[in-house]
Structures are given as structure tokens and as C-alpha cells.
Amino acid sequence: MGFAFFIVRILAPNNPNPEKLSSYECGEEPVGSAWVPFNSRFYVIALIFLLFDVEMVFVLPWATVFGNKGLQAADKRWGWLSLTEMFIFLGILIIGLVYVWVKGDLDWIKPRPVIPTVNSEVPHALYEQLNKQQGAYKVQEFSIKATADINESASSTTTASAPIRKPLFKPTFKKPENES
């Protein structure tokens, strides 16, 4: 085994550059640190998925034995034996799943809601009185004509009075380090 690694190390080309040494992130430039907080609930769900995924590896041979008519014709006990074994196996898995579920390990971590508080000296009754006033705050109806008038007046004032401004930044472009 070590000899194979040694041969690959000798024969494989070794041309590292910054592009090859950077981490691959879906074709995008990596941004930020890879050490971000990752919620632990995803690990629990992944472990439960793996448990039931591996279960399928054991169910397939059982289905093959249980569905084989020739094996069952030779001895009737094979069908009953494989059926009871599978019920025991699935029963143990289901008991484990129920235990984990009842224990609360499958619950999503839910944050406690934070109710904002305001330290205001204005009494709440004053807010209620203000909200009950009819016509105090009326939303104007939308009309295309009014919008067009506003746009025309805004464009005529900006073109006449505002000078053309240069951008406040100058874009820079990175050149590749190694062009070959």
C-alpha cells in the first residue's frame, strides 16, 4: 500500500499555484472563514438518515431470502424464520427511533422569541387615541397622471441645476499572477 503511494508521489506532476491551492466553493471565490458555526441539528438528522440507510443493506438480503420460492419450497421454516428475524430487526430500530424522538434529540433547536420592550414615557392610551382618529393619516390614491407630473418636474429640475458628477470610486481589476 505504501509502495503505491510512493510510486504515485514520484510519477504524478506537481505544479502548485495559488489557483490550485485555493479551496473550491461551487466555482466561486471563497469568501470568509470556513470555521463558521454550524447547527448541530444537521448532524443528528444525518446520523438518523445513515442509520436507516444502512438498514436497507440488511433488508435487501432478507427480501431475497423471503421472496425466493425455491428456498421456501425446500423448507417452510425459512420464510417464517426470515419474517420473524426482520420483525425483530425493524422492531429494535423503531424502538431506538422512538427513544431518540421522545428524548427530544430530533427536535429542531428553536430560539426563544424575544419580545421587544420600549421604555417610553408616552402612555399607551395616547397611542390608542391616536390610532382611533379618523382621517388623521390618509393614504393618497395612486394615479399615473400624478406620477408622470412628479417625474417631469423632477427631471426638469435635475437637468437644469445639478451638474454631472464623476463616480466616487475607480474600479480596479486583478490581473492573473501567472499567465502561461
Foldseek 3Di string as FASTA:
>chain_A
DVVVVVVCVVPPDDDDDPVVPADDDPNDHDDDDPPDDDDCLVVVVVVLVVVVVVVVVVVVVLCVQLVDVVNCVVPVVSNVVSVVVVCVVVVVSVVVVVVCVVVPSNPDDDDDDDDDDDPDPDDPVVVVVVVPDPPPDDDDDDDPVVVVVVVVVVVVVCVVPPDDDDDPDDDDDDDDPDDD
